[in-house]
N, C-alpha and C. Protein backbone atom coordinates (compact mmCIF):
# COMPACT_ATOMS: atom_id res chain seq x y z
N MET A 1 -34.25 -14.53 35.79
CA MET A 1 -34.36 -15.69 36.65
C MET A 1 -35.32 -16.72 36.06
N HIS A 2 -36.40 -16.23 35.45
CA HIS A 2 -37.39 -17.16 34.91
C HIS A 2 -36.81 -17.99 33.76
N THR A 3 -35.87 -17.40 33.01
CA THR A 3 -35.20 -18.17 31.97
C THR A 3 -34.41 -19.31 32.59
N LEU A 4 -33.73 -19.04 33.68
CA LEU A 4 -32.97 -20.09 34.37
C LEU A 4 -33.90 -21.15 34.94
N PHE A 5 -35.04 -20.74 35.49
CA PHE A 5 -36.01 -21.71 36.00
C PHE A 5 -36.52 -22.61 34.88
N THR A 6 -36.77 -22.02 33.71
CA THR A 6 -37.23 -22.79 32.56
C THR A 6 -36.17 -23.79 32.13
N LEU A 7 -34.91 -23.35 32.10
CA LEU A 7 -33.82 -24.27 31.75
C LEU A 7 -33.69 -25.39 32.78
N GLU A 8 -33.98 -25.10 34.02
CA GLU A 8 -33.98 -26.15 35.05
C GLU A 8 -35.06 -27.18 34.73
N ASP A 9 -36.24 -26.71 34.36
CA ASP A 9 -37.36 -27.61 34.10
C ASP A 9 -37.21 -28.38 32.79
N THR A 10 -36.66 -27.73 31.77
CA THR A 10 -36.68 -28.34 30.44
C THR A 10 -35.35 -28.92 29.99
N ARG A 11 -34.25 -28.43 30.55
CA ARG A 11 -32.93 -28.83 30.05
C ARG A 11 -32.00 -29.41 31.09
N GLY A 12 -32.48 -29.60 32.30
CA GLY A 12 -31.66 -30.23 33.32
C GLY A 12 -30.60 -29.34 33.94
N LEU A 13 -30.78 -28.03 33.85
CA LEU A 13 -29.85 -27.12 34.50
C LEU A 13 -30.09 -27.17 36.00
N LYS A 14 -29.02 -27.29 36.76
CA LYS A 14 -29.12 -27.39 38.21
C LYS A 14 -28.27 -26.32 38.87
N ILE A 15 -28.68 -25.89 40.05
CA ILE A 15 -27.89 -24.95 40.83
C ILE A 15 -27.31 -25.70 42.02
N GLY A 16 -26.10 -25.34 42.39
CA GLY A 16 -25.46 -25.99 43.52
C GLY A 16 -24.29 -25.15 43.99
N LYS A 17 -23.47 -25.76 44.82
CA LYS A 17 -22.26 -25.08 45.30
C LYS A 17 -21.06 -25.94 44.97
N LEU A 18 -19.98 -25.26 44.63
CA LEU A 18 -18.70 -25.90 44.36
C LEU A 18 -17.63 -25.06 45.04
N ASP A 19 -16.92 -25.64 45.98
CA ASP A 19 -15.90 -24.91 46.75
C ASP A 19 -16.47 -23.65 47.38
N GLY A 20 -17.70 -23.73 47.87
CA GLY A 20 -18.33 -22.60 48.55
C GLY A 20 -18.91 -21.54 47.63
N GLU A 21 -18.78 -21.74 46.31
CA GLU A 21 -19.30 -20.78 45.32
C GLU A 21 -20.56 -21.35 44.69
N LEU A 22 -21.55 -20.49 44.46
CA LEU A 22 -22.72 -20.92 43.71
C LEU A 22 -22.32 -21.22 42.28
N CYS A 23 -22.88 -22.27 41.72
CA CYS A 23 -22.57 -22.61 40.33
C CYS A 23 -23.79 -23.24 39.67
N LEU A 24 -23.82 -23.15 38.37
CA LEU A 24 -24.83 -23.82 37.57
C LEU A 24 -24.16 -25.01 36.92
N ARG A 25 -24.88 -26.13 36.85
CA ARG A 25 -24.30 -27.33 36.25
C ARG A 25 -25.38 -28.04 35.44
N LEU A 26 -24.93 -28.92 34.57
CA LEU A 26 -25.84 -29.72 33.77
C LEU A 26 -26.03 -31.08 34.43
N ASP A 27 -27.25 -31.58 34.38
CA ASP A 27 -27.58 -32.88 34.95
C ASP A 27 -27.26 -33.97 33.93
N LYS A 28 -26.24 -34.78 34.20
CA LYS A 28 -25.84 -35.84 33.28
C LYS A 28 -26.94 -36.87 33.06
N ASP A 29 -27.85 -36.98 33.99
CA ASP A 29 -28.95 -37.94 33.85
C ASP A 29 -30.02 -37.48 32.86
N ALA A 30 -29.85 -36.28 32.29
CA ALA A 30 -30.85 -35.74 31.36
C ALA A 30 -30.69 -36.29 29.94
N GLY A 31 -29.78 -37.24 29.73
CA GLY A 31 -29.63 -37.91 28.44
C GLY A 31 -29.19 -36.98 27.33
N MET A 32 -29.92 -37.04 26.21
CA MET A 32 -29.56 -36.24 25.03
C MET A 32 -29.64 -34.75 25.32
N THR A 33 -30.52 -34.35 26.20
CA THR A 33 -30.60 -32.95 26.58
C THR A 33 -29.28 -32.50 27.17
N TYR A 34 -28.70 -33.34 28.00
CA TYR A 34 -27.39 -33.03 28.59
C TYR A 34 -26.36 -32.80 27.50
N HIS A 35 -26.31 -33.69 26.51
CA HIS A 35 -25.31 -33.59 25.46
C HIS A 35 -25.49 -32.34 24.61
N SER A 36 -26.72 -32.01 24.26
CA SER A 36 -26.93 -30.81 23.45
C SER A 36 -26.61 -29.55 24.25
N MET A 37 -26.99 -29.54 25.52
CA MET A 37 -26.65 -28.39 26.36
C MET A 37 -25.14 -28.30 26.57
N TRP A 38 -24.48 -29.45 26.74
CA TRP A 38 -23.03 -29.45 26.92
C TRP A 38 -22.35 -28.86 25.69
N ASP A 39 -22.80 -29.24 24.50
CA ASP A 39 -22.22 -28.70 23.27
C ASP A 39 -22.37 -27.18 23.21
N MET A 40 -23.54 -26.68 23.58
CA MET A 40 -23.77 -25.24 23.55
C MET A 40 -22.92 -24.53 24.60
N PHE A 41 -22.88 -25.07 25.82
CA PHE A 41 -22.07 -24.46 26.87
C PHE A 41 -20.58 -24.50 26.51
N ASN A 42 -20.15 -25.60 25.90
CA ASN A 42 -18.76 -25.73 25.51
C ASN A 42 -18.40 -24.70 24.43
N ALA A 43 -19.27 -24.48 23.47
CA ALA A 43 -19.03 -23.47 22.45
C ALA A 43 -18.91 -22.09 23.10
N TRP A 44 -19.76 -21.80 24.04
CA TRP A 44 -19.72 -20.53 24.76
C TRP A 44 -18.41 -20.41 25.53
N TYR A 45 -18.04 -21.47 26.24
CA TYR A 45 -16.80 -21.48 27.01
C TYR A 45 -15.59 -21.21 26.11
N GLN A 46 -15.55 -21.85 24.95
CA GLN A 46 -14.42 -21.67 24.04
C GLN A 46 -14.31 -20.21 23.59
N GLN A 47 -15.43 -19.59 23.27
CA GLN A 47 -15.40 -18.20 22.86
C GLN A 47 -15.00 -17.29 24.02
N ALA A 48 -15.49 -17.59 25.21
CA ALA A 48 -15.13 -16.79 26.39
C ALA A 48 -13.63 -16.90 26.67
N GLU A 49 -13.06 -18.08 26.48
CA GLU A 49 -11.63 -18.28 26.66
C GLU A 49 -10.83 -17.48 25.63
N LYS A 50 -11.31 -17.45 24.40
CA LYS A 50 -10.64 -16.66 23.37
C LYS A 50 -10.65 -15.18 23.73
N LEU A 51 -11.77 -14.71 24.26
CA LEU A 51 -11.85 -13.32 24.69
C LEU A 51 -10.86 -13.07 25.83
N GLU A 52 -10.85 -13.95 26.80
CA GLU A 52 -9.98 -13.80 27.97
C GLU A 52 -8.50 -13.79 27.58
N SER A 53 -8.13 -14.60 26.59
CA SER A 53 -6.73 -14.69 26.18
C SER A 53 -6.33 -13.60 25.19
N GLY A 54 -7.31 -12.82 24.72
CA GLY A 54 -7.01 -11.76 23.76
C GLY A 54 -7.01 -12.22 22.32
N GLU A 55 -7.40 -13.48 22.09
CA GLU A 55 -7.44 -14.02 20.74
C GLU A 55 -8.53 -13.35 19.89
N ILE A 56 -9.62 -12.94 20.55
CA ILE A 56 -10.68 -12.20 19.89
C ILE A 56 -11.00 -10.95 20.71
N THR A 57 -11.61 -9.98 20.06
CA THR A 57 -11.99 -8.74 20.73
C THR A 57 -13.37 -8.89 21.37
N LYS A 58 -13.71 -7.93 22.22
CA LYS A 58 -15.04 -7.92 22.83
C LYS A 58 -16.11 -7.81 21.74
N GLU A 59 -15.83 -7.04 20.70
CA GLU A 59 -16.78 -6.89 19.59
C GLU A 59 -16.99 -8.23 18.87
N GLU A 60 -15.91 -9.00 18.66
CA GLU A 60 -16.04 -10.31 18.03
C GLU A 60 -16.80 -11.28 18.93
N TYR A 61 -16.53 -11.20 20.21
CA TYR A 61 -17.25 -12.04 21.18
C TYR A 61 -18.74 -11.70 21.17
N ASP A 62 -19.05 -10.42 21.21
CA ASP A 62 -20.45 -10.00 21.16
C ASP A 62 -21.11 -10.45 19.86
N GLN A 63 -20.41 -10.32 18.75
CA GLN A 63 -20.96 -10.75 17.45
C GLN A 63 -21.28 -12.24 17.50
N TRP A 64 -20.38 -13.03 18.08
CA TRP A 64 -20.62 -14.47 18.20
C TRP A 64 -21.87 -14.71 19.05
N ARG A 65 -21.95 -14.04 20.19
CA ARG A 65 -23.09 -14.24 21.09
C ARG A 65 -24.41 -13.84 20.44
N TYR A 66 -24.42 -12.72 19.75
CA TYR A 66 -25.66 -12.20 19.19
C TYR A 66 -26.14 -13.00 17.99
N THR A 67 -25.23 -13.74 17.36
CA THR A 67 -25.62 -14.52 16.18
C THR A 67 -25.58 -16.02 16.41
N TYR A 68 -25.25 -16.45 17.62
CA TYR A 68 -25.19 -17.89 17.92
C TYR A 68 -26.57 -18.50 17.68
N PRO A 69 -26.67 -19.64 17.03
CA PRO A 69 -25.64 -20.56 16.57
C PRO A 69 -25.23 -20.37 15.11
N LYS A 70 -25.73 -19.33 14.47
CA LYS A 70 -25.43 -19.12 13.05
C LYS A 70 -23.94 -19.17 12.75
N MET A 71 -23.14 -18.45 13.54
CA MET A 71 -21.70 -18.43 13.28
C MET A 71 -21.07 -19.80 13.47
N GLU A 72 -21.59 -20.59 14.39
CA GLU A 72 -21.10 -21.95 14.59
C GLU A 72 -21.36 -22.80 13.34
N TRP A 73 -22.57 -22.69 12.81
CA TRP A 73 -22.92 -23.44 11.60
C TRP A 73 -22.06 -23.02 10.42
N GLU A 74 -21.85 -21.71 10.28
CA GLU A 74 -21.04 -21.22 9.18
C GLU A 74 -19.60 -21.71 9.28
N GLN A 75 -19.04 -21.72 10.49
CA GLN A 75 -17.67 -22.21 10.66
C GLN A 75 -17.60 -23.70 10.36
N THR A 76 -18.58 -24.46 10.79
CA THR A 76 -18.61 -25.90 10.50
C THR A 76 -18.68 -26.11 8.99
N ARG A 77 -19.51 -25.34 8.32
CA ARG A 77 -19.63 -25.46 6.87
C ARG A 77 -18.30 -25.13 6.18
N ARG A 78 -17.62 -24.07 6.61
CA ARG A 78 -16.32 -23.72 6.04
C ARG A 78 -15.30 -24.83 6.27
N ASP A 79 -15.30 -25.40 7.47
CA ASP A 79 -14.38 -26.49 7.78
C ASP A 79 -14.65 -27.70 6.90
N LEU A 80 -15.92 -28.04 6.72
CA LEU A 80 -16.27 -29.19 5.87
C LEU A 80 -15.93 -28.92 4.42
N ASP A 81 -16.18 -27.71 3.93
CA ASP A 81 -15.83 -27.36 2.55
C ASP A 81 -14.33 -27.47 2.33
N ALA A 82 -13.54 -27.01 3.29
CA ALA A 82 -12.08 -27.09 3.18
C ALA A 82 -11.63 -28.55 3.17
N LEU A 83 -12.24 -29.37 3.99
CA LEU A 83 -11.91 -30.79 4.03
C LEU A 83 -12.26 -31.46 2.71
N ARG A 84 -13.43 -31.13 2.15
CA ARG A 84 -13.83 -31.69 0.85
C ARG A 84 -12.85 -31.28 -0.25
N GLU A 85 -12.45 -30.02 -0.25
CA GLU A 85 -11.49 -29.54 -1.26
C GLU A 85 -10.15 -30.25 -1.12
N LYS A 86 -9.71 -30.46 0.11
CA LYS A 86 -8.44 -31.16 0.34
C LYS A 86 -8.53 -32.59 -0.18
N ARG A 87 -9.61 -33.27 0.13
CA ARG A 87 -9.77 -34.65 -0.33
C ARG A 87 -9.90 -34.71 -1.85
N LYS A 88 -10.57 -33.74 -2.42
CA LYS A 88 -10.72 -33.68 -3.88
C LYS A 88 -9.35 -33.49 -4.53
N ALA A 89 -8.55 -32.60 -3.97
CA ALA A 89 -7.21 -32.35 -4.50
C ALA A 89 -6.34 -33.61 -4.36
N GLU A 90 -6.45 -34.30 -3.26
CA GLU A 90 -5.68 -35.53 -3.04
C GLU A 90 -6.10 -36.61 -4.02
N THR A 91 -7.40 -36.70 -4.30
CA THR A 91 -7.92 -37.70 -5.23
C THR A 91 -7.46 -37.41 -6.65
N ASN A 92 -7.40 -36.14 -7.02
CA ASN A 92 -7.00 -35.75 -8.37
C ASN A 92 -5.51 -35.94 -8.62
N THR A 93 -4.70 -36.02 -7.59
CA THR A 93 -3.26 -36.20 -7.77
C THR A 93 -2.87 -37.67 -7.78
N ASP A 94 -3.81 -38.55 -7.42
CA ASP A 94 -3.50 -40.00 -7.39
C ASP A 94 -3.59 -40.65 -8.73
């Protein structure tokens, strides 16, 4: 609970109700903090969706969670490297 209280104080995490259910939400008025928290929550959501759909295993999901954000950075680096190689190949054929 204290971690959630700290996130409320430092990152704009808010508690409320939505359709009668308790929910946590981000405060859009928190500026850049909102955006960085949104990016992190969105990354988490995407991985949770992959787990739910069977695209990844529970072990892969746990690996992502236990190493976050390292795996995110590594995937971004691989994507950028692939894009650079593609552009390099396109430039060499012109």
